[in-house]
Amino acid sequence: MESTDDIEAGFHRARQLHAAGRYADAERAYQQLMTPGPHREPVLAALTELYIEAGRPNEALEALTKLTELLPDRFYYLAWLATLLDQWGQTDAAIDRYREFLRRHPDSPPAHFNLALLLKRNKEYGEALAEYERALDTGIEDASEVWSNMGVAYSDIRDADKAREMFEKALDIDSDYIPALFNLAGLHEETGERDRAITLYERIRDIDPMHFESLARLAGARRIESTDDPAFGALEEAIRQPQKDPVVHEALWFALGKAYDDCGRYEDATEAYGKANALGRQRCPKYDRVSDNKGVRRGQAAHRWRMDRVRRNGFQTHARVHLRHAALGFDIGRAAARGPPGHPAGRRAGHTALADIATAVTVSGPRGRGYPR
C-alpha cells in the first residue's frame, strides 16, 4: 500500500504533466493513483478536468459519473455532471440526475433551482415553474432571482399578466434587482407600453451605468432625431469598451444602426448593421454535433460564453455552484504542483487538496445584468 507521501508526490507529478499539456502522460500518472482511499476523489476530479481540456467528452462523463457514485450526496459533483450532460446534448439525462438526487434530498433548494433551469430550457414550463416554487418553499437564498426567472418562463408561454406579477414580486424583495427590472422593461415593450419601458431602462442605467444592454434597448425604444443626441456618444463609447458578452456587443451595433437610420444616415446605418451581423456570424457558427474534437472545442467555447452570460444575468451562489465546473477547487492542488515536493508549504497544500478539494464550491459576487434567455 502506498504511503500518503507517495500518493502526494504522484499527484504532484501528474499535476505538473497536466499543467504542461502532456495529457497522455498525465492520464497515465493519474490512473496509477486510482487505488481506494481518500485521494481517489481529487484524482477523479483531475481526470475529468483533463478529459474536458483534451476534448474527450465520453471519458469526462465516465470519470465524473464515478465521482458521483463515490460521493452520491455531494451536490457539487452532481451539478458538474449535470452541466456537462446538458452542454453535450444530454439534457434529459441531466434532468434525471437532479430528480434522483431530489428523491434523497427533497429539501435541497439549489437542486430544485437547477432542475427548474434545465426544465425551462427543455420547454417543460409547467414542471419548471413547479420546481421554482419548490425552491422557494425550501428556503432558497435569493428569492428575487427565482421570481424573476419564473417571470421569464411565463413570458415564454405568452402569459404577460403572470410574468408581470412575478417580476413585481422579485422587485418587492429587491427594488434594484436588475434582471427583474430588465425583464419587466422588455415586457412593457412587448405589450406596447414603451414609455414605461424607457423609464425602467433609464433606471437600470442609473443603478449600473455599464449596463450596455439597457443602453441598446433605450436606443431601440425611442426615436432619435439628430446625430447631436447624446445616445450616439453613449453608444459609440459603449462599443469601444471591451465586451465580454458578444450578444451585447452585437446589440450595441444594431442600436447604433437604428439610431443612424432614424436620422436618415442610411450608409452609416448599413455599416453598423453589417458589423452587428458579422458579430452574429462569429457568435453562431454553423452547428456541428459533438462527434469529434473540433466539435467538442466549439461546444466548450459556446459553453464558456453561455456560462459567462448566466453569471452576468444575476444567478447567485446556488446557481454558480451548478455552473462553475471548470474551476474545480484545484487552486490548492495546482499550488502544490508548482512547488517542490519536499517543501513544507507544498506538502501542506498537497495534503489539503487530497483531503478535501471541494469544500469551497460557492462563488460570491455582485448581481449582474441582463436576464435569462
Protein backbone atom coordinates (compact mmCIF):
# COMPACT_ATOMS: atom_id res chain seq x y z
CA MET A 1 0.00 0.00 0.00
CA GLU A 2 1.39 3.40 -0.98
CA SER A 3 2.00 5.94 1.75
CA THR A 4 0.31 9.33 1.81
CA ASP A 5 3.63 10.93 0.88
CA ASP A 6 3.98 8.64 -2.15
CA ILE A 7 0.46 9.45 -3.27
CA GLU A 8 1.07 13.15 -2.75
CA ALA A 9 4.29 13.01 -4.80
CA GLY A 10 2.49 11.09 -7.56
CA PHE A 11 -0.33 13.58 -7.61
CA HIS A 12 2.17 16.43 -7.72
CA ARG A 13 3.89 14.84 -10.72
CA ALA A 14 0.59 14.21 -12.51
CA ARG A 15 -0.46 17.82 -12.00
CA GLN A 16 2.82 19.05 -13.42
CA LEU A 17 2.35 16.91 -16.53
CA HIS A 18 -1.24 18.09 -16.80
CA ALA A 19 -0.25 21.76 -16.49
CA ALA A 20 2.36 21.25 -19.20
CA GLY A 21 -0.27 19.92 -21.60
CA ARG A 22 1.22 16.42 -21.63
CA TYR A 23 -2.21 14.84 -21.42
CA ALA A 24 -1.28 11.25 -22.23
CA ASP A 25 1.50 11.17 -19.63
CA ALA A 26 -0.69 12.94 -17.08
CA GLU A 27 -3.54 10.50 -17.69
CA ARG A 28 -1.23 7.54 -17.05
CA ALA A 29 0.06 9.19 -13.88
CA TYR A 30 -3.47 9.81 -12.62
CA GLN A 31 -4.55 6.28 -13.47
CA GLN A 32 -1.70 4.88 -11.36
CA LEU A 33 -3.23 6.69 -8.37
CA MET A 34 -6.69 5.17 -8.86
CA THR A 35 -6.48 2.99 -5.77
CA PRO A 36 -9.03 3.01 -2.93
CA GLY A 37 -8.66 5.82 -0.44
CA PRO A 38 -9.49 9.48 0.13
CA HIS A 39 -7.15 10.51 -2.70
CA ARG A 40 -9.49 8.88 -5.26
CA GLU A 41 -11.76 11.95 -5.19
CA PRO A 42 -9.20 14.56 -6.33
CA VAL A 43 -7.72 12.11 -8.83
CA LEU A 44 -11.09 11.51 -10.48
CA ALA A 45 -11.79 15.24 -10.48
CA ALA A 46 -8.42 15.96 -12.07
CA LEU A 47 -9.02 13.28 -14.70
CA THR A 48 -12.38 14.86 -15.52
CA GLU A 49 -10.71 18.22 -15.94
CA LEU A 50 -8.04 16.68 -18.17
CA TYR A 51 -10.60 14.97 -20.40
CA ILE A 52 -12.55 18.21 -20.80
CA GLU A 53 -9.40 20.10 -21.78
CA ALA A 54 -8.39 17.33 -24.19
CA GLY A 55 -11.81 17.30 -25.88
CA ARG A 56 -12.77 13.80 -24.74
CA PRO A 57 -16.37 14.14 -23.54
CA ASN A 58 -17.15 10.46 -23.11
CA GLU A 59 -14.20 9.90 -20.79
CA ALA A 60 -15.01 13.10 -18.89
CA LEU A 61 -18.55 11.92 -18.27
CA GLU A 62 -17.33 8.48 -17.25
CA ALA A 63 -14.86 9.88 -14.70
CA LEU A 64 -17.40 12.31 -13.32
CA THR A 65 -20.04 9.59 -13.07
CA LYS A 66 -17.58 7.59 -10.95
CA LEU A 67 -17.21 10.65 -8.72
CA THR A 68 -20.95 10.90 -8.20
CA GLU A 69 -21.05 7.19 -7.40
CA LEU A 70 -18.21 7.62 -4.94
CA LEU A 71 -19.89 10.64 -3.29
CA PRO A 72 -23.57 10.43 -4.24
CA ASP A 73 -24.64 13.13 -1.81
CA ARG A 74 -22.01 15.68 -2.80
CA PHE A 75 -24.08 18.27 -4.65
CA TYR A 76 -21.12 19.87 -6.37
CA TYR A 77 -20.26 16.79 -8.41
CA LEU A 78 -23.89 16.17 -9.30
CA ALA A 79 -24.17 19.76 -10.57
CA TRP A 80 -20.94 19.47 -12.52
CA LEU A 81 -22.07 16.24 -14.17
CA ALA A 82 -25.48 17.71 -14.99
CA THR A 83 -23.83 20.75 -16.55
CA LEU A 84 -21.68 18.61 -18.84
CA LEU A 85 -24.57 16.34 -19.77
CA ASP A 86 -26.66 19.36 -20.69
CA GLN A 87 -23.84 21.02 -22.60
CA TRP A 88 -23.12 17.86 -24.56
CA GLY A 89 -26.69 17.32 -25.68
CA GLN A 90 -27.99 15.05 -22.91
CA THR A 91 -30.33 17.43 -21.11
CA ASP A 92 -32.84 14.69 -20.31
CA ALA A 93 -30.11 12.70 -18.56
CA ALA A 94 -29.12 15.82 -16.59
CA ILE A 95 -32.73 16.27 -15.51
CA ASP A 96 -32.89 12.64 -14.41
CA ARG A 97 -29.76 13.13 -12.29
CA TYR A 98 -31.34 16.01 -10.40
CA ARG A 99 -34.56 14.11 -9.88
CA GLU A 100 -32.65 11.15 -8.49
CA PHE A 101 -30.77 13.48 -6.11
CA LEU A 102 -34.01 15.14 -5.01
CA ARG A 103 -35.53 11.78 -4.12
CA ARG A 104 -32.81 11.54 -1.48
CA HIS A 105 -32.66 15.26 -0.68
CA PRO A 106 -36.13 16.72 -1.29
CA ASP A 107 -35.32 19.89 0.67
CA SER A 108 -32.34 20.95 -1.44
CA PRO A 109 -33.09 24.46 -2.78
CA PRO A 110 -30.24 24.57 -5.33
CA ALA A 111 -31.20 21.19 -6.75
CA HIS A 112 -34.78 22.38 -7.28
CA PHE A 113 -33.48 25.63 -8.80
CA ASN A 114 -31.05 23.96 -11.17
CA LEU A 115 -33.65 21.40 -12.20
CA ALA A 116 -36.01 24.27 -12.99
CA LEU A 117 -33.36 25.87 -15.22
CA LEU A 118 -32.98 22.67 -17.21
CA LEU A 119 -36.71 22.05 -17.48
CA LYS A 120 -37.26 25.59 -18.74
CA ARG A 121 -34.51 25.16 -21.32
CA ASN A 122 -36.28 21.94 -22.32
CA LYS A 123 -39.50 23.98 -22.70
CA GLU A 124 -41.20 21.95 -19.97
CA TYR A 125 -42.61 25.13 -18.50
CA GLY A 126 -45.20 23.69 -16.13
CA GLU A 127 -42.66 21.45 -14.42
CA ALA A 128 -40.07 24.21 -14.41
CA LEU A 129 -42.44 26.59 -12.65
CA ALA A 130 -43.28 23.88 -10.11
CA GLU A 131 -39.58 23.37 -9.36
CA TYR A 132 -39.08 27.12 -8.93
CA GLU A 133 -41.95 27.05 -6.43
CA ARG A 134 -40.28 24.19 -4.56
CA ALA A 135 -37.02 26.14 -4.49
CA LEU A 136 -38.93 28.97 -2.82
CA ASP A 137 -40.72 26.62 -0.43
CA THR A 138 -37.43 25.06 0.68
CA GLY A 139 -35.91 28.43 1.50
CA ILE A 140 -33.64 29.35 -1.39
CA GLU A 141 -31.37 32.27 -0.52
CA ASP A 142 -32.21 34.73 -3.29
CA ALA A 143 -35.94 34.58 -3.85
CA SER A 144 -35.88 37.63 -6.13
CA GLU A 145 -33.88 35.64 -8.65
CA VAL A 146 -36.40 32.81 -8.60
CA TRP A 147 -39.39 35.12 -9.03
CA SER A 148 -37.63 36.84 -11.95
CA ASN A 149 -36.86 33.52 -13.63
CA MET A 150 -40.47 32.49 -13.18
CA GLY A 151 -41.46 35.71 -14.91
CA VAL A 152 -39.25 34.81 -17.86
CA ALA A 153 -40.94 31.39 -18.05
CA TYR A 154 -44.38 32.99 -18.09
CA SER A 155 -43.16 35.41 -20.76
CA ASP A 156 -42.07 32.45 -22.86
CA ILE A 157 -45.57 30.98 -22.73
CA ARG A 158 -47.10 34.39 -23.53
CA ASP A 159 -48.76 34.95 -20.16
CA ALA A 160 -47.91 38.64 -19.78
CA ASP A 161 -50.04 39.19 -16.69
CA LYS A 162 -48.42 36.38 -14.72
CA ALA A 163 -44.98 37.42 -15.96
CA ARG A 164 -45.57 40.97 -14.72
CA GLU A 165 -46.74 39.61 -11.36
CA MET A 166 -43.57 37.53 -10.99
CA PHE A 167 -41.27 40.43 -11.85
CA GLU A 168 -43.08 42.67 -9.38
CA LYS A 169 -42.71 40.02 -6.67
CA ALA A 170 -38.97 39.99 -7.35
CA LEU A 171 -38.86 43.78 -7.08
CA ASP A 172 -40.88 43.72 -3.85
CA ILE A 173 -37.91 41.86 -2.34
CA ASP A 174 -35.20 43.95 -4.01
CA SER A 175 -36.32 47.08 -5.82
CA ASP A 176 -32.93 47.42 -7.55
CA TYR A 177 -32.72 43.84 -8.82
CA ILE A 178 -31.59 44.48 -12.37
CA PRO A 179 -32.68 41.22 -14.05
CA ALA A 180 -36.28 41.79 -12.88
CA LEU A 181 -36.18 45.45 -13.93
CA PHE A 182 -34.81 44.50 -17.33
CA ASN A 183 -37.32 41.69 -17.80
CA LEU A 184 -40.18 43.97 -16.83
CA ALA A 185 -38.97 46.67 -19.21
CA GLY A 186 -38.86 44.14 -22.03
CA LEU A 187 -42.37 43.02 -21.17
CA HIS A 188 -43.57 46.64 -21.31
CA GLU A 189 -42.01 46.94 -24.77
CA GLU A 190 -43.73 43.78 -25.95
CA THR A 191 -47.12 45.00 -24.70
CA GLY A 192 -46.75 48.44 -26.27
CA GLU A 193 -46.00 50.35 -23.04
CA ARG A 194 -42.92 51.99 -24.47
CA ASP A 195 -42.75 54.94 -22.06
CA ARG A 196 -42.75 52.58 -19.08
CA ALA A 197 -40.03 50.52 -20.71
CA ILE A 198 -37.88 53.61 -21.30
CA THR A 199 -38.33 54.66 -17.67
CA LEU A 200 -37.11 51.26 -16.46
CA TYR A 201 -34.14 51.12 -18.84
CA GLU A 202 -33.10 54.57 -17.62
CA ARG A 203 -33.44 53.41 -14.03
CA ILE A 204 -31.21 50.43 -14.74
CA ARG A 205 -28.63 52.76 -16.25
CA ASP A 206 -28.79 54.87 -13.09
CA ILE A 207 -28.10 51.77 -11.00
CA ASP A 208 -25.41 50.43 -13.32
CA PRO A 209 -24.05 52.82 -15.98
CA MET A 210 -22.16 49.88 -17.51
CA HIS A 211 -25.37 48.01 -18.27
CA PHE A 212 -24.94 48.35 -22.01
CA GLU A 213 -27.82 46.09 -22.96
CA SER A 214 -30.21 48.63 -21.43
CA LEU A 215 -28.45 51.37 -23.40
CA ALA A 216 -29.05 49.39 -26.59
CA ARG A 217 -32.69 48.83 -25.66
CA LEU A 218 -33.13 52.55 -24.92
CA ALA A 219 -31.90 53.44 -28.39
CA GLY A 220 -34.32 50.94 -29.84
CA ALA A 221 -37.29 52.10 -27.79
CA ARG A 222 -37.12 55.80 -28.66
CA ARG A 223 -36.79 57.72 -31.89
CA ILE A 224 -33.52 59.61 -32.22
CA GLU A 225 -33.99 62.80 -34.22
CA SER A 226 -30.45 64.11 -34.60
CA THR A 227 -26.84 62.95 -34.51
CA ASP A 228 -26.40 65.53 -31.73
CA ASP A 229 -28.46 63.26 -29.48
CA PRO A 230 -26.33 62.04 -26.54
CA ALA A 231 -27.34 58.47 -27.43
CA PHE A 232 -24.78 58.48 -30.25
CA GLY A 233 -21.89 59.30 -27.98
CA ALA A 234 -23.07 56.80 -25.36
CA LEU A 235 -23.41 54.02 -27.92
CA GLU A 236 -20.04 54.70 -29.52
CA GLU A 237 -18.35 54.82 -26.11
CA ALA A 238 -20.02 51.55 -25.11
CA ILE A 239 -18.89 49.88 -28.34
CA ARG A 240 -15.31 50.90 -27.59
CA GLN A 241 -15.46 49.17 -24.22
CA PRO A 242 -14.19 45.58 -24.09
CA GLN A 243 -17.28 43.38 -24.30
CA LYS A 244 -17.22 40.01 -22.61
CA ASP A 245 -20.72 39.31 -23.87
CA PRO A 246 -20.82 39.14 -27.68
CA VAL A 247 -24.62 39.40 -27.65
CA VAL A 248 -24.43 42.82 -26.00
CA HIS A 249 -21.69 43.96 -28.40
CA GLU A 250 -23.86 42.89 -31.31
CA ALA A 251 -26.91 44.64 -29.82
CA LEU A 252 -24.97 47.89 -29.46
CA TRP A 253 -24.04 47.87 -33.16
CA PHE A 254 -27.67 47.19 -34.09
CA ALA A 255 -28.77 50.04 -31.82
CA LEU A 256 -26.26 52.39 -33.43
CA GLY A 257 -27.50 51.33 -36.85
CA LYS A 258 -31.07 52.03 -35.80
CA ALA A 259 -30.04 55.46 -34.48
CA TYR A 260 -28.38 56.34 -37.79
CA ASP A 261 -31.47 55.02 -39.58
CA ASP A 262 -33.67 57.34 -37.51
CA CYS A 263 -31.57 60.30 -38.62
CA GLY A 264 -31.53 59.36 -42.30
CA ARG A 265 -27.83 58.41 -42.27
CA TYR A 266 -28.51 55.25 -44.23
CA GLU A 267 -24.94 54.45 -45.32
CA ASP A 268 -23.74 54.70 -41.73
CA ALA A 269 -26.70 52.60 -40.64
CA THR A 270 -25.84 49.92 -43.20
CA GLU A 271 -22.24 49.84 -41.99
CA ALA A 272 -23.32 49.47 -38.35
CA TYR A 273 -25.82 46.74 -39.20
CA GLY A 274 -23.12 44.95 -41.16
CA LYS A 275 -20.81 44.93 -38.15
CA ALA A 276 -23.62 43.62 -35.97
CA ASN A 277 -24.33 40.83 -38.42
CA ALA A 278 -20.64 39.93 -38.62
CA LEU A 279 -20.55 39.58 -34.85
CA GLY A 280 -23.62 37.38 -35.04
CA ARG A 281 -21.95 35.08 -37.55
CA GLN A 282 -18.89 34.79 -35.31
CA ARG A 283 -21.05 34.04 -32.30
CA CYS A 284 -23.19 31.43 -34.04
CA PRO A 285 -21.06 29.38 -36.41
CA LYS A 286 -22.66 26.57 -38.36
CA TYR A 287 -23.66 23.90 -35.88
CA ASP A 288 -21.80 20.60 -35.84
CA ARG A 289 -22.69 17.78 -33.49
CA VAL A 290 -20.10 16.97 -30.85
CA SER A 291 -18.76 13.96 -32.69
CA ASP A 292 -15.09 14.88 -32.90
CA ASN A 293 -12.56 17.03 -31.07
CA LYS A 294 -13.26 20.05 -33.26
CA GLY A 295 -16.93 19.86 -32.36
CA VAL A 296 -16.10 19.47 -28.69
CA ARG A 297 -13.93 22.57 -28.75
CA ARG A 298 -16.75 24.57 -30.34
CA GLY A 299 -19.09 23.23 -27.70
CA GLN A 300 -16.68 24.25 -24.96
CA ALA A 301 -16.40 27.78 -26.39
CA ALA A 302 -20.18 28.09 -26.59
CA HIS A 303 -20.46 26.76 -23.06
CA ARG A 304 -17.98 29.32 -21.72
CA TRP A 305 -19.95 32.10 -23.44
CA ARG A 306 -23.25 30.85 -22.05
CA MET A 307 -21.86 30.46 -18.54
CA ASP A 308 -20.39 33.97 -18.63
CA ARG A 309 -23.77 35.28 -19.70
CA VAL A 310 -25.63 33.41 -16.99
CA ARG A 311 -23.28 34.79 -14.34
CA ARG A 312 -23.99 38.31 -15.60
CA ASN A 313 -27.70 37.53 -15.61
CA GLY A 314 -27.63 37.54 -11.84
CA PHE A 315 -27.66 33.88 -10.85
CA GLN A 316 -26.43 33.76 -7.28
CA THR A 317 -24.32 31.32 -5.29
CA HIS A 318 -26.61 28.31 -5.63
CA ALA A 319 -26.61 28.60 -9.42
CA ARG A 320 -22.90 29.31 -9.66
CA VAL A 321 -22.24 26.01 -7.90
CA HIS A 322 -24.14 24.45 -10.82
CA LEU A 323 -22.11 26.33 -13.39
CA ARG A 324 -18.57 26.69 -12.12
CA HIS A 325 -17.34 23.28 -13.21
CA ALA A 326 -14.08 24.35 -14.82
CA ALA A 327 -12.51 25.69 -11.63
CA LEU A 328 -12.92 22.50 -9.58
CA GLY A 329 -11.41 23.99 -6.48
CA PHE A 330 -7.96 22.88 -7.64
CA ASP A 331 -6.16 26.10 -6.82
CA ILE A 332 -4.57 24.46 -3.79
CA GLY A 333 -3.62 21.38 -5.79
CA ARG A 334 -2.05 23.50 -8.51
CA ALA A 335 -0.15 25.49 -5.92
CA ALA A 336 1.24 22.24 -4.57
CA ALA A 337 2.15 21.10 -8.07
CA ARG A 338 4.12 24.28 -8.73
CA GLY A 339 6.27 23.91 -5.63
CA PRO A 340 8.93 21.28 -4.88
CA PRO A 341 7.55 18.05 -3.41
CA GLY A 342 9.58 18.39 -0.24
CA HIS A 343 8.70 21.99 0.51
CA PRO A 344 6.55 22.25 3.69
CA ALA A 345 4.07 24.65 2.11
CA GLY A 346 3.71 22.39 -0.89
CA ARG A 347 3.25 19.35 1.33
CA ARG A 348 0.54 21.09 3.36
CA ALA A 349 -1.21 22.21 0.19
CA GLY A 350 -0.97 18.71 -1.23
CA HIS A 351 -2.48 17.18 1.88
CA THR A 352 -5.28 19.75 1.81
CA ALA A 353 -6.01 19.11 -1.83
CA LEU A 354 -6.04 15.37 -1.36
CA ALA A 355 -8.21 15.51 1.73
CA ASP A 356 -10.87 17.97 0.70
CA ILE A 357 -10.69 19.73 -2.66
CA ALA A 358 -14.37 20.56 -2.82
CA THR A 359 -15.10 22.34 0.44
CA ALA A 360 -15.28 25.79 -1.15
CA VAL A 361 -17.64 25.38 -4.07
CA THR A 362 -19.55 28.63 -3.84
CA VAL A 363 -18.77 31.84 -5.62
CA SER A 364 -19.56 35.25 -4.24
CA GLY A 365 -20.07 38.34 -6.34
CA PRO A 366 -22.42 41.15 -7.23
CA ARG A 367 -25.53 40.61 -9.23
CA GLY A 368 -25.09 41.06 -12.90
CA ARG A 369 -27.05 42.39 -15.77
CA GLY A 370 -29.33 41.12 -18.45
CA TYR A 371 -31.88 38.42 -17.99
CA PRO A 372 -32.07 34.66 -18.57
CA ARG A 373 -32.76 33.60 -22.10
